[in-house]
């Protein structure tokens, strides 16, 4: 689960591709036409609608189960919407709500704040301590995911306008561990009419195929979430293709890793490098540093501890390499 979170902010990468469009889960699921009405049973007394099969299925999952009195009685956060629809009969309405302390205790290793509204591919394991197993089977090197959205952000207690995001993580399991192969993230600002969003997916290498995809819709940012932010989504499709790097390959040695004050990038490339962009875990660009003689240094003294991603560009502005490093203070 933590590995999945690490992939949320992998930076964008440009490819030449042979493409074919496909659904993520199924046509009705990706267009949010399939919903299950959950009724009380056993220990659980919650009543709500969930997309694509509902509790326990391997498709879209929500935190609506936490509405149950046994799991904390938190407010519902995901709704079947038949009023504001891009295509078909329904869209998916996601609202940021405050989880109770009991509910948040179940998911705090997965979500950094108790203010949350999410829809994620995966399987919900039901019980007195419900847990999520993120991801659904998927074995193509996807290059893009497109979808339609409307977004009404609220303002956080700090006076910061909220932002939503959509992320894609492609992973492969080996030796009992889930390894991140690639992913992408797209930050969403206010949109009062249906707007198409596209997540561009980057990879750490040009080889290897995933076995799992995790798609994550969030009505709030993970830094300044705000109660009442509303994200409507509909009609998602994946573009699959065989990726080929469109520029000269490069290798980058990043040291020290983890770093404290300075991060050095030693580059080996047959092309001419120009600059490096650095992003934090929320997808925000935090720095740009120029390269000189295939070498660059980032002053990280003002950056917080955590995981960061970098993009290396050539003089033409083409992306040559992506990677990650850590800062520890």
C-alpha atoms as a PDB file:
ATOM      1  CA  UNK A   1       0.000   0.000   0.000  1.00  0.00           C
ATOM      2  CA  UNK A   2       2.849   2.405   0.834  1.00  0.00           C
ATOM      3  CA  UNK A   3       4.505   1.486  -2.471  1.00  0.00           C
ATOM      4  CA  UNK A   4       1.319   2.561  -4.246  1.00  0.00           C
ATOM      5  CA  UNK A   5       1.462   5.961  -2.583  1.00  0.00           C
ATOM      6  CA  UNK A   6       5.060   6.431  -3.696  1.00  0.00           C
ATOM      7  CA  UNK A   7       3.921   6.196  -7.293  1.00  0.00           C
ATOM      8  CA  UNK A   8       1.332   8.943  -7.033  1.00  0.00           C
ATOM      9  CA  UNK A   9       3.742  11.717  -7.942  1.00  0.00           C
ATOM     10  CA  UNK A  10       5.979  10.142 -10.610  1.00  0.00           C
ATOM     11  CA  UNK A  11       6.644  12.928 -13.119  1.00  0.00           C
ATOM     12  CA  UNK A  12       5.406  13.194 -16.718  1.00  0.00           C
ATOM     13  CA  UNK A  13       7.346  11.607 -19.622  1.00  0.00           C
ATOM     14  CA  UNK A  14       6.960  12.011 -23.420  1.00  0.00           C
ATOM     15  CA  UNK A  15       6.884   8.916 -25.688  1.00  0.00           C
ATOM     16  CA  UNK A  16       6.373   7.914 -29.306  1.00  0.00           C
ATOM     17  CA  UNK A  17       3.666   5.223 -29.163  1.00  0.00           C
ATOM     18  CA  UNK A  18       1.502   2.867 -31.141  1.00  0.00           C
ATOM     19  CA  UNK A  19      -1.761   3.273 -29.259  1.00  0.00           C
ATOM     20  CA  UNK A  20      -5.063   1.528 -28.659  1.00  0.00           C
ATOM     21  CA  UNK A  21      -7.774   2.799 -26.315  1.00  0.00           C
ATOM     22  CA  UNK A  22      -9.166   0.471 -23.670  1.00  0.00           C
ATOM     23  CA  UNK A  23     -11.166   0.510 -20.474  1.00  0.00           C
ATOM     24  CA  UNK A  24      -9.538   0.316 -17.047  1.00  0.00           C
ATOM     25  CA  UNK A  25     -12.019  -2.031 -15.399  1.00  0.00           C
ATOM     26  CA  UNK A  26     -14.982  -2.331 -17.794  1.00  0.00           C
ATOM     27  CA  UNK A  27     -16.987  -0.019 -20.031  1.00  0.00           C
ATOM     28  CA  UNK A  28     -19.814   0.395 -17.525  1.00  0.00           C
ATOM     29  CA  UNK A  29     -17.441   0.733 -14.566  1.00  0.00           C
ATOM     30  CA  UNK A  30     -15.176   3.339 -16.119  1.00  0.00           C
ATOM     31  CA  UNK A  31     -18.235   5.340 -17.188  1.00  0.00           C
ATOM     32  CA  UNK A  32     -19.711   4.852 -13.691  1.00  0.00           C
ATOM     33  CA  UNK A  33     -22.880   3.280 -15.090  1.00  0.00           C
ATOM     34  CA  UNK A  34     -22.725   0.259 -12.754  1.00  0.00           C
ATOM     35  CA  UNK A  35     -23.634   0.847  -9.089  1.00  0.00           C
ATOM     36  CA  UNK A  36     -24.579  -1.470  -6.242  1.00  0.00           C
ATOM     37  CA  UNK A  37     -26.979  -0.481  -3.487  1.00  0.00           C
ATOM     38  CA  UNK A  38     -25.454  -1.664  -0.222  1.00  0.00           C
ATOM     39  CA  UNK A  39     -28.032  -2.667   2.376  1.00  0.00           C
ATOM     40  CA  UNK A  40     -27.524  -3.542   6.052  1.00  0.00           C
ATOM     41  CA  UNK A  41     -26.330  -7.076   6.756  1.00  0.00           C
ATOM     42  CA  UNK A  42     -24.587  -8.844   9.609  1.00  0.00           C
ATOM     43  CA  UNK A  43     -22.737  -6.454  11.900  1.00  0.00           C
ATOM     44  CA  UNK A  44     -22.951  -3.617   9.372  1.00  0.00           C
ATOM     45  CA  UNK A  45     -25.825  -1.161   9.345  1.00  0.00           C
ATOM     46  CA  UNK A  46     -24.664   1.239   6.631  1.00  0.00           C
ATOM     47  CA  UNK A  47     -26.799   1.938   3.536  1.00  0.00           C
ATOM     48  CA  UNK A  48     -25.195   3.539   0.488  1.00  0.00           C
ATOM     49  CA  UNK A  49     -24.367   3.140  -3.216  1.00  0.00           C
ATOM     50  CA  UNK A  50     -20.930   2.089  -4.423  1.00  0.00           C
ATOM     51  CA  UNK A  51     -19.654   1.978  -8.028  1.00  0.00           C
ATOM     52  CA  UNK A  52     -18.979  -1.275  -9.893  1.00  0.00           C
ATOM     53  CA  UNK A  53     -20.124  -4.081  -7.664  1.00  0.00           C
ATOM     54  CA  UNK A  54     -19.855  -2.546  -4.239  1.00  0.00           C
ATOM     55  CA  UNK A  55     -18.291  -4.048  -1.141  1.00  0.00           C
ATOM     56  CA  UNK A  56     -15.608  -6.659  -1.679  1.00  0.00           C
ATOM     57  CA  UNK A  57     -15.473  -6.488  -5.484  1.00  0.00           C
ATOM     58  CA  UNK A  58     -12.341  -5.823  -7.474  1.00  0.00           C
ATOM     59  CA  UNK A  59     -13.191  -2.530  -9.154  1.00  0.00           C
ATOM     60  CA  UNK A  60     -13.805   0.992  -7.858  1.00  0.00           C
ATOM     61  CA  UNK A  61     -13.836   1.269  -4.068  1.00  0.00           C
ATOM     62  CA  UNK A  62     -14.723   4.064  -1.641  1.00  0.00           C
ATOM     63  CA  UNK A  63     -14.639   4.929   2.047  1.00  0.00           C
ATOM     64  CA  UNK A  64     -18.439   4.788   2.268  1.00  0.00           C
ATOM     65  CA  UNK A  65     -18.143   1.645   4.411  1.00  0.00           C
ATOM     66  CA  UNK A  66     -16.853   3.921   7.183  1.00  0.00           C
ATOM     67  CA  UNK A  67     -20.356   5.402   7.425  1.00  0.00           C
ATOM     68  CA  UNK A  68     -21.247   2.356   9.527  1.00  0.00           C
ATOM     69  CA  UNK A  69     -21.597   2.886  13.279  1.00  0.00           C
ATOM     70  CA  UNK A  70     -19.201  -0.009  13.952  1.00  0.00           C
ATOM     71  CA  UNK A  71     -16.482   1.575  11.796  1.00  0.00           C
ATOM     72  CA  UNK A  72     -16.869   5.106  13.135  1.00  0.00           C
ATOM     73  CA  UNK A  73     -20.026   6.528  11.570  1.00  0.00           C
ATOM     74  CA  UNK A  74     -18.234   8.914   9.193  1.00  0.00           C
ATOM     75  CA  UNK A  75     -20.219  10.826   6.570  1.00  0.00           C
ATOM     76  CA  UNK A  76     -20.679   9.340   3.113  1.00  0.00           C
ATOM     77  CA  UNK A  77     -18.165  10.722   0.607  1.00  0.00           C
ATOM     78  CA  UNK A  78     -19.072   9.109  -2.752  1.00  0.00           C
ATOM     79  CA  UNK A  79     -22.471   9.332  -4.472  1.00  0.00           C
ATOM     80  CA  UNK A  80     -24.198   8.137  -7.640  1.00  0.00           C
ATOM     81  CA  UNK A  81     -25.092  11.346  -9.506  1.00  0.00           C
ATOM     82  CA  UNK A  82     -27.816  11.373 -12.167  1.00  0.00           C
ATOM     83  CA  UNK A  83     -28.121  15.174 -12.448  1.00  0.00           C
ATOM     84  CA  UNK A  84     -24.673  16.260 -13.651  1.00  0.00           C
ATOM     85  CA  UNK A  85     -23.561  13.648 -16.170  1.00  0.00           C
ATOM     86  CA  UNK A  86     -21.098  13.704 -19.057  1.00  0.00           C
ATOM     87  CA  UNK A  87     -22.242  10.468 -20.726  1.00  0.00           C
ATOM     88  CA  UNK A  88     -24.691   7.703 -19.877  1.00  0.00           C
ATOM     89  CA  UNK A  89     -27.045   7.924 -16.907  1.00  0.00           C
ATOM     90  CA  UNK A  90     -24.638   8.467 -14.017  1.00  0.00           C
ATOM     91  CA  UNK A  91     -21.410  10.119 -12.975  1.00  0.00           C
ATOM     92  CA  UNK A  92     -19.421   9.681  -9.766  1.00  0.00           C
ATOM     93  CA  UNK A  93     -19.628  12.515  -7.225  1.00  0.00           C
ATOM     94  CA  UNK A  94     -16.782  12.617  -4.694  1.00  0.00           C
ATOM     95  CA  UNK A  95     -16.993  14.953  -1.690  1.00  0.00           C
ATOM     96  CA  UNK A  96     -14.314  15.633   0.920  1.00  0.00           C
ATOM     97  CA  UNK A  97     -15.647  14.852   4.403  1.00  0.00           C
ATOM     98  CA  UNK A  98     -14.151  14.639   7.887  1.00  0.00           C
ATOM     99  CA  UNK A  99     -13.601  11.079   9.091  1.00  0.00           C
ATOM    100  CA  UNK A 100     -14.228  10.294  12.729  1.00  0.00           C
ATOM    101  CA  UNK A 101     -11.170   9.442  14.813  1.00  0.00           C
ATOM    102  CA  UNK A 102     -12.182   5.770  14.803  1.00  0.00           C
ATOM    103  CA  UNK A 103     -12.656   5.675  11.027  1.00  0.00           C
ATOM    104  CA  UNK A 104      -9.397   7.504  10.416  1.00  0.00           C
ATOM    105  CA  UNK A 105      -7.590   4.944  12.553  1.00  0.00           C
ATOM    106  CA  UNK A 106      -8.437   2.271   9.956  1.00  0.00           C
ATOM    107  CA  UNK A 107      -6.985   4.205   7.016  1.00  0.00           C
ATOM    108  CA  UNK A 108      -4.325   6.552   8.409  1.00  0.00           C
ATOM    109  CA  UNK A 109      -1.480   4.472   6.935  1.00  0.00           C
ATOM    110  CA  UNK A 110      -3.084   5.026   3.523  1.00  0.00           C
ATOM    111  CA  UNK A 111      -4.324   8.651   3.797  1.00  0.00           C
ATOM    112  CA  UNK A 112      -2.308  11.420   5.526  1.00  0.00           C
ATOM    113  CA  UNK A 113      -5.345  13.514   6.600  1.00  0.00           C
ATOM    114  CA  UNK A 114      -8.733  12.825   8.154  1.00  0.00           C
ATOM    115  CA  UNK A 115     -10.379  15.113   5.569  1.00  0.00           C
ATOM    116  CA  UNK A 116     -10.834  12.950   2.504  1.00  0.00           C
ATOM    117  CA  UNK A 117     -12.990  11.967  -0.448  1.00  0.00           C
ATOM    118  CA  UNK A 118     -11.596   9.264  -2.726  1.00  0.00           C
ATOM    119  CA  UNK A 119     -12.406   6.590  -5.284  1.00  0.00           C
ATOM    120  CA  UNK A 120      -9.679   4.025  -5.974  1.00  0.00           C
ATOM    121  CA  UNK A 121      -9.358   0.799  -7.929  1.00  0.00           C
ATOM    122  CA  UNK A 122      -8.929  -2.183  -5.688  1.00  0.00           C
ATOM    123  CA  UNK A 123     -10.615  -4.618  -3.366  1.00  0.00           C
ATOM    124  CA  UNK A 124     -12.231  -3.716  -0.075  1.00  0.00           C
ATOM    125  CA  UNK A 125     -11.721  -6.350   2.619  1.00  0.00           C
ATOM    126  CA  UNK A 126     -14.725  -6.072   4.906  1.00  0.00           C
ATOM    127  CA  UNK A 127     -14.596  -6.669   8.639  1.00  0.00           C
ATOM    128  CA  UNK A 128     -14.479  -4.807  11.921  1.00  0.00           C
ATOM    129  CA  UNK A 129     -11.213  -3.290  10.626  1.00  0.00           C
ATOM    130  CA  UNK A 130     -11.862  -2.795   6.871  1.00  0.00           C
ATOM    131  CA  UNK A 131      -8.780  -2.487   4.678  1.00  0.00           C
ATOM    132  CA  UNK A 132      -8.076  -1.760   1.024  1.00  0.00           C
ATOM    133  CA  UNK A 133      -5.974  -3.852  -1.319  1.00  0.00           C
ATOM    134  CA  UNK A 134      -5.266  -1.313  -4.030  1.00  0.00           C
ATOM    135  CA  UNK A 135      -5.142  -2.069  -7.742  1.00  0.00           C
ATOM    136  CA  UNK A 136      -6.839  -4.291 -10.322  1.00  0.00           C
ATOM    137  CA  UNK A 137      -5.240  -6.656 -12.881  1.00  0.00           C
ATOM    138  CA  UNK A 138      -3.655  -4.841 -15.830  1.00  0.00           C
ATOM    139  CA  UNK A 139      -0.712  -5.904 -18.048  1.00  0.00           C
ATOM    140  CA  UNK A 140      -0.143  -3.139 -20.627  1.00  0.00           C
ATOM    141  CA  UNK A 141       2.385  -0.307 -20.564  1.00  0.00           C
ATOM    142  CA  UNK A 142      -0.275   2.404 -20.598  1.00  0.00           C
ATOM    143  CA  UNK A 143       0.860   5.832 -21.775  1.00  0.00           C
ATOM    144  CA  UNK A 144      -2.155   7.986 -20.869  1.00  0.00           C
ATOM    145  CA  UNK A 145      -5.443   7.930 -18.985  1.00  0.00           C
ATOM    146  CA  UNK A 146      -8.149  10.374 -20.074  1.00  0.00           C
ATOM    147  CA  UNK A 147     -11.340  11.222 -18.198  1.00  0.00           C
ATOM    148  CA  UNK A 148     -13.955  13.983 -17.795  1.00  0.00           C
ATOM    149  CA  UNK A 149     -14.418  16.046 -14.644  1.00  0.00           C
ATOM    150  CA  UNK A 150     -16.015  19.026 -12.942  1.00  0.00           C
ATOM    151  CA  UNK A 151     -14.494  20.426  -9.776  1.00  0.00           C
ATOM    152  CA  UNK A 152     -15.762  22.817  -7.095  1.00  0.00           C
ATOM    153  CA  UNK A 153     -12.981  23.380  -4.537  1.00  0.00           C
ATOM    154  CA  UNK A 154     -13.596  24.567  -0.979  1.00  0.00           C
ATOM    155  CA  UNK A 155     -11.139  26.639   1.078  1.00  0.00           C
ATOM    156  CA  UNK A 156      -9.086  25.069   3.863  1.00  0.00           C
ATOM    157  CA  UNK A 157      -8.831  26.410   7.419  1.00  0.00           C
ATOM    158  CA  UNK A 158      -5.550  28.053   6.378  1.00  0.00           C
ATOM    159  CA  UNK A 159      -7.348  30.002   3.650  1.00  0.00           C
ATOM    160  CA  UNK A 160      -5.850  27.892   0.828  1.00  0.00           C
ATOM    161  CA  UNK A 161      -8.058  26.922  -2.125  1.00  0.00           C
ATOM    162  CA  UNK A 162      -8.247  23.153  -2.382  1.00  0.00           C
ATOM    163  CA  UNK A 163      -7.077  21.186  -5.416  1.00  0.00           C
ATOM    164  CA  UNK A 164      -8.125  17.708  -6.532  1.00  0.00           C
ATOM    165  CA  UNK A 165      -5.862  15.157  -8.206  1.00  0.00           C
ATOM    166  CA  UNK A 166      -6.008  11.991 -10.254  1.00  0.00           C
ATOM    167  CA  UNK A 167      -3.120   9.533 -10.226  1.00  0.00           C
ATOM    168  CA  UNK A 168      -2.184   6.297 -11.977  1.00  0.00           C
ATOM    169  CA  UNK A 169       0.337   3.764 -10.640  1.00  0.00           C
ATOM    170  CA  UNK A 170       1.497   0.715 -12.626  1.00  0.00           C
ATOM    171  CA  UNK A 171       3.158  -2.003 -10.564  1.00  0.00           C
ATOM    172  CA  UNK A 172       4.481  -5.548 -10.820  1.00  0.00           C
ATOM    173  CA  UNK A 173       4.626  -8.048  -7.971  1.00  0.00           C
ATOM    174  CA  UNK A 174       7.737 -10.159  -7.474  1.00  0.00           C
ATOM    175  CA  UNK A 175       8.983 -12.045  -4.451  1.00  0.00           C
ATOM    176  CA  UNK A 176       6.012 -10.931  -2.395  1.00  0.00           C
ATOM    177  CA  UNK A 177       6.711  -7.237  -3.050  1.00  0.00           C
ATOM    178  CA  UNK A 178       4.909  -4.787  -5.304  1.00  0.00           C
ATOM    179  CA  UNK A 179       7.403  -2.864  -7.425  1.00  0.00           C
ATOM    180  CA  UNK A 180       6.480   0.461  -9.026  1.00  0.00           C
ATOM    181  CA  UNK A 181       7.204   0.539 -12.778  1.00  0.00           C
ATOM    182  CA  UNK A 182       5.599   3.844 -13.654  1.00  0.00           C
ATOM    183  CA  UNK A 183       2.812   6.295 -13.062  1.00  0.00           C
ATOM    184  CA  UNK A 184       1.587   9.850 -13.349  1.00  0.00           C
ATOM    185  CA  UNK A 185      -0.457  12.473 -11.555  1.00  0.00           C
ATOM    186  CA  UNK A 186      -2.638  15.386 -12.657  1.00  0.00           C
ATOM    187  CA  UNK A 187      -3.649  18.238 -10.337  1.00  0.00           C
ATOM    188  CA  UNK A 188      -7.152  19.593 -10.934  1.00  0.00           C
ATOM    189  CA  UNK A 189      -8.286  23.172 -10.334  1.00  0.00           C
ATOM    190  CA  UNK A 190     -11.813  24.570 -10.416  1.00  0.00           C
ATOM    191  CA  UNK A 191     -13.872  23.583 -13.470  1.00  0.00           C
ATOM    192  CA  UNK A 192     -17.565  24.530 -13.648  1.00  0.00           C
ATOM    193  CA  UNK A 193     -18.274  22.573 -16.847  1.00  0.00           C
ATOM    194  CA  UNK A 194     -17.170  19.178 -18.082  1.00  0.00           C
ATOM    195  CA  UNK A 195     -13.449  19.295 -18.807  1.00  0.00           C
ATOM    196  CA  UNK A 196     -11.234  16.549 -20.160  1.00  0.00           C
ATOM    197  CA  UNK A 197      -8.188  15.647 -18.098  1.00  0.00           C
ATOM    198  CA  UNK A 198      -5.288  13.475 -19.201  1.00  0.00           C
ATOM    199  CA  UNK A 199      -2.753  11.784 -16.939  1.00  0.00           C
ATOM    200  CA  UNK A 200       0.512  11.148 -18.796  1.00  0.00           C
ATOM    201  CA  UNK A 201       2.304   8.049 -17.517  1.00  0.00           C
ATOM    202  CA  UNK A 202       6.083   7.828 -17.146  1.00  0.00           C
ATOM    203  CA  UNK A 203       8.318   4.825 -16.520  1.00  0.00           C
ATOM    204  CA  UNK A 204      11.600   4.299 -14.705  1.00  0.00           C
ATOM    205  CA  UNK A 205      12.827   2.002 -17.498  1.00  0.00           C
ATOM    206  CA  UNK A 206      11.989   1.121 -21.093  1.00  0.00           C
ATOM    207  CA  UNK A 207      11.365  -2.558 -20.270  1.00  0.00           C
ATOM    208  CA  UNK A 208       9.030  -4.576 -18.087  1.00  0.00           C
ATOM    209  CA  UNK A 209       5.256  -4.922 -17.979  1.00  0.00           C
ATOM    210  CA  UNK A 210       2.903  -4.315 -15.037  1.00  0.00           C
ATOM    211  CA  UNK A 211       0.424  -6.766 -13.598  1.00  0.00           C
ATOM    212  CA  UNK A 212      -1.621  -4.195 -11.631  1.00  0.00           C
ATOM    213  CA  UNK A 213      -2.991  -0.697 -12.135  1.00  0.00           C
ATOM    214  CA  UNK A 214      -4.095   1.629  -9.337  1.00  0.00           C
ATOM    215  CA  UNK A 215      -6.207   4.619 -10.369  1.00  0.00           C
ATOM    216  CA  UNK A 216      -6.887   7.147  -7.622  1.00  0.00           C
ATOM    217  CA  UNK A 217      -9.395  10.020  -7.733  1.00  0.00           C
ATOM    218  CA  UNK A 218      -9.200  12.477  -4.810  1.00  0.00           C
ATOM    219  CA  UNK A 219     -11.483  15.473  -4.226  1.00  0.00           C
ATOM    220  CA  UNK A 220      -8.783  17.141  -2.093  1.00  0.00           C
ATOM    221  CA  UNK A 221      -5.046  17.611  -2.033  1.00  0.00           C
ATOM    222  CA  UNK A 222      -2.973  15.758   0.528  1.00  0.00           C
ATOM    223  CA  UNK A 223      -1.405  19.015   1.759  1.00  0.00           C
ATOM    224  CA  UNK A 224      -4.327  21.417   2.439  1.00  0.00           C
ATOM    225  CA  UNK A 225      -7.578  19.422   2.142  1.00  0.00           C
ATOM    226  CA  UNK A 226     -10.825  21.324   2.609  1.00  0.00           C
ATOM    227  CA  UNK A 227     -14.215  20.058   3.764  1.00  0.00           C
ATOM    228  CA  UNK A 228     -16.861  20.204   1.060  1.00  0.00           C
ATOM    229  CA  UNK A 229     -14.681  20.092  -2.054  1.00  0.00           C
ATOM    230  CA  UNK A 230     -16.631  18.261  -4.782  1.00  0.00           C
ATOM    231  CA  UNK A 231     -15.154  16.342  -7.735  1.00  0.00           C
ATOM    232  CA  UNK A 232     -17.391  14.787 -10.408  1.00  0.00           C
ATOM    233  CA  UNK A 233     -15.764  12.233 -12.738  1.00  0.00           C
ATOM    234  CA  UNK A 234     -17.009  10.248 -15.711  1.00  0.00           C
ATOM    235  CA  UNK A 235     -15.859   8.323 -18.767  1.00  0.00           C
ATOM    236  CA  UNK A 236     -12.256   7.203 -18.174  1.00  0.00           C
ATOM    237  CA  UNK A 237     -10.205   5.456 -20.870  1.00  0.00           C
ATOM    238  CA  UNK A 238      -6.637   4.184 -20.987  1.00  0.00           C
ATOM    239  CA  UNK A 239      -4.274   4.544 -23.962  1.00  0.00           C
ATOM    240  CA  UNK A 240      -2.039   1.488 -24.249  1.00  0.00           C
ATOM    241  CA  UNK A 241       1.092   1.314 -26.367  1.00  0.00           C
ATOM    242  CA  UNK A 242       4.664   0.131 -26.649  1.00  0.00           C
ATOM    243  CA  UNK A 243       6.825   2.938 -25.285  1.00  0.00           C
ATOM    244  CA  UNK A 244      10.000   4.026 -27.002  1.00  0.00           C
ATOM    245  CA  UNK A 245      12.081   6.905 -25.655  1.00  0.00           C
ATOM    246  CA  UNK A 246      12.103   9.740 -28.181  1.00  0.00           C
ATOM    247  CA  UNK A 247      15.484  11.167 -27.098  1.00  0.00           C
ATOM    248  CA  UNK A 248      18.973   9.917 -26.359  1.00  0.00           C
ATOM    249  CA  UNK A 249      19.027   7.672 -23.271  1.00  0.00           C
ATOM    250  CA  UNK A 250      20.738   8.934 -20.124  1.00  0.00           C
ATOM    251  CA  UNK A 251      21.766   7.475 -16.800  1.00  0.00           C
ATOM    252  CA  UNK A 252      21.878   9.564 -13.645  1.00  0.00           C
ATOM    253  CA  UNK A 253      23.727   8.921 -10.407  1.00  0.00           C
ATOM    254  CA  UNK A 254      22.079  10.811  -7.529  1.00  0.00           C
ATOM    255  CA  UNK A 255      24.073  11.280  -4.316  1.00  0.00           C
ATOM    256  CA  UNK A 256      24.012  11.417  -1.388  1.00  0.00           C
ATOM    257  CA  UNK A 257      20.710   9.549  -1.218  1.00  0.00           C
ATOM    258  CA  UNK A 258      19.118  10.292   1.155  1.00  0.00           C
ATOM    259  CA  UNK A 259      20.487  13.828   1.217  1.00  0.00           C
ATOM    260  CA  UNK A 260      20.555  16.573   3.855  1.00  0.00           C
ATOM    261  CA  UNK A 261      21.751  19.875   2.347  1.00  0.00           C
ATOM    262  CA  UNK A 262      22.776  19.211  -1.264  1.00  0.00           C
ATOM    263  CA  UNK A 263      21.777  16.651  -3.898  1.00  0.00           C
ATOM    264  CA  UNK A 264      24.227  16.002  -6.752  1.00  0.00           C
ATOM    265  CA  UNK A 265      23.252  14.657 -10.185  1.00  0.00           C
ATOM    266  CA  UNK A 266      26.093  13.034 -12.157  1.00  0.00           C
ATOM    267  CA  UNK A 267      24.834  12.358 -15.698  1.00  0.00           C
ATOM    268  CA  UNK A 268      26.099   9.980 -18.373  1.00  0.00           C
ATOM    269  CA  UNK A 269      24.528  10.700 -21.762  1.00  0.00           C
ATOM    270  CA  UNK A 270      25.308  10.714 -25.483  1.00  0.00           C
ATOM    271  CA  UNK A 271      23.089  13.812 -25.780  1.00  0.00           C
ATOM    272  CA  UNK A 272      23.508  17.318 -24.366  1.00  0.00           C
ATOM    273  CA  UNK A 273      21.635  17.857 -21.110  1.00  0.00           C
ATOM    274  CA  UNK A 274      20.173  21.217 -20.070  1.00  0.00           C
ATOM    275  CA  UNK A 275      18.205  21.270 -16.805  1.00  0.00           C
ATOM    276  CA  UNK A 276      16.446  19.214 -14.132  1.00  0.00           C
ATOM    277  CA  UNK A 277      12.971  19.761 -12.678  1.00  0.00           C
ATOM    278  CA  UNK A 278      12.296  18.459  -9.147  1.00  0.00           C
ATOM    279  CA  UNK A 279       8.835  17.548  -7.797  1.00  0.00           C
ATOM    280  CA  UNK A 280       7.578  16.664  -4.333  1.00  0.00           C
ATOM    281  CA  UNK A 281       5.121  13.886  -3.428  1.00  0.00           C
ATOM    282  CA  UNK A 282       2.089  16.060  -4.199  1.00  0.00           C
ATOM    283  CA  UNK A 283       3.252  16.687  -7.777  1.00  0.00           C
ATOM    284  CA  UNK A 284       4.310  20.282  -7.094  1.00  0.00           C
ATOM    285  CA  UNK A 285       7.484  21.473  -8.817  1.00  0.00           C
ATOM    286  CA  UNK A 286       9.831  22.652  -6.056  1.00  0.00           C
ATOM    287  CA  UNK A 287      12.987  23.513  -8.013  1.00  0.00           C
ATOM    288  CA  UNK A 288      14.712  23.763 -11.401  1.00  0.00           C
ATOM    289  CA  UNK A 289      18.502  23.450 -11.665  1.00  0.00           C
ATOM    290  CA  UNK A 290      20.677  23.848 -14.761  1.00  0.00           C
ATOM    291  CA  UNK A 291      23.198  21.198 -15.751  1.00  0.00           C
ATOM    292  CA  UNK A 292      26.812  22.042 -16.596  1.00  0.00           C
ATOM    293  CA  UNK A 293      29.053  19.450 -18.241  1.00  0.00           C
ATOM    294  CA  UNK A 294      26.458  16.802 -17.365  1.00  0.00           C
ATOM    295  CA  UNK A 295      26.483  17.698 -13.682  1.00  0.00           C
ATOM    296  CA  UNK A 296      24.016  19.558 -11.446  1.00  0.00           C
ATOM    297  CA  UNK A 297      23.605  20.330  -7.745  1.00  0.00           C
ATOM    298  CA  UNK A 298      20.320  20.990  -5.954  1.00  0.00           C
ATOM    299  CA  UNK A 299      20.440  22.959  -2.697  1.00  0.00           C
ATOM    300  CA  UNK A 300      17.930  21.009  -0.616  1.00  0.00           C
ATOM    301  CA  UNK A 301      18.385  22.896   2.662  1.00  0.00           C
ATOM    302  CA  UNK A 302      14.909  24.478   2.340  1.00  0.00           C
ATOM    303  CA  UNK A 303      13.150  21.245   1.347  1.00  0.00           C
ATOM    304  CA  UNK A 304      11.354  19.036   3.854  1.00  0.00           C
ATOM    305  CA  UNK A 305      12.241  15.413   4.470  1.00  0.00           C
ATOM    306  CA  UNK A 306      10.522  13.016   2.099  1.00  0.00           C
ATOM    307  CA  UNK A 307      10.533  11.455  -1.343  1.00  0.00           C
ATOM    308  CA  UNK A 308      11.149  13.579  -4.466  1.00  0.00           C
ATOM    309  CA  UNK A 309      11.116  12.941  -8.213  1.00  0.00           C
ATOM    310  CA  UNK A 310      13.236  14.540 -10.935  1.00  0.00           C
ATOM    311  CA  UNK A 311      13.021  15.046 -14.701  1.00  0.00           C
ATOM    312  CA  UNK A 312      16.161  15.521 -16.822  1.00  0.00           C
ATOM    313  CA  UNK A 313      15.757  17.519 -20.084  1.00  0.00           C
ATOM    314  CA  UNK A 314      17.966  18.154 -23.088  1.00  0.00           C
ATOM    315  CA  UNK A 315      18.476  21.547 -24.798  1.00  0.00           C
ATOM    316  CA  UNK A 316      15.480  20.974 -27.081  1.00  0.00           C
ATOM    317  CA  UNK A 317      13.243  20.557 -24.054  1.00  0.00           C
ATOM    318  CA  UNK A 318      12.791  16.802 -24.535  1.00  0.00           C
ATOM    319  CA  UNK A 319      12.618  14.616 -21.463  1.00  0.00           C
ATOM    320  CA  UNK A 320      15.592  12.252 -21.167  1.00  0.00           C
ATOM    321  CA  UNK A 321      15.258  10.588 -17.782  1.00  0.00           C
ATOM    322  CA  UNK A 322      13.091  10.407 -14.673  1.00  0.00           C
ATOM    323  CA  UNK A 323      14.057   9.158 -11.239  1.00  0.00           C
ATOM    324  CA  UNK A 324      13.629   9.647  -7.536  1.00  0.00           C
ATOM    325  CA  UNK A 325      15.638  10.454  -4.408  1.00  0.00           C
ATOM    326  CA  UNK A 326      15.020  11.113  -0.726  1.00  0.00           C
ATOM    327  CA  UNK A 327      15.781  13.918   1.715  1.00  0.00           C
ATOM    328  CA  UNK A 328      16.279  13.084   5.378  1.00  0.00           C
ATOM    329  CA  UNK A 329      16.994  15.659   8.094  1.00  0.00           C
END
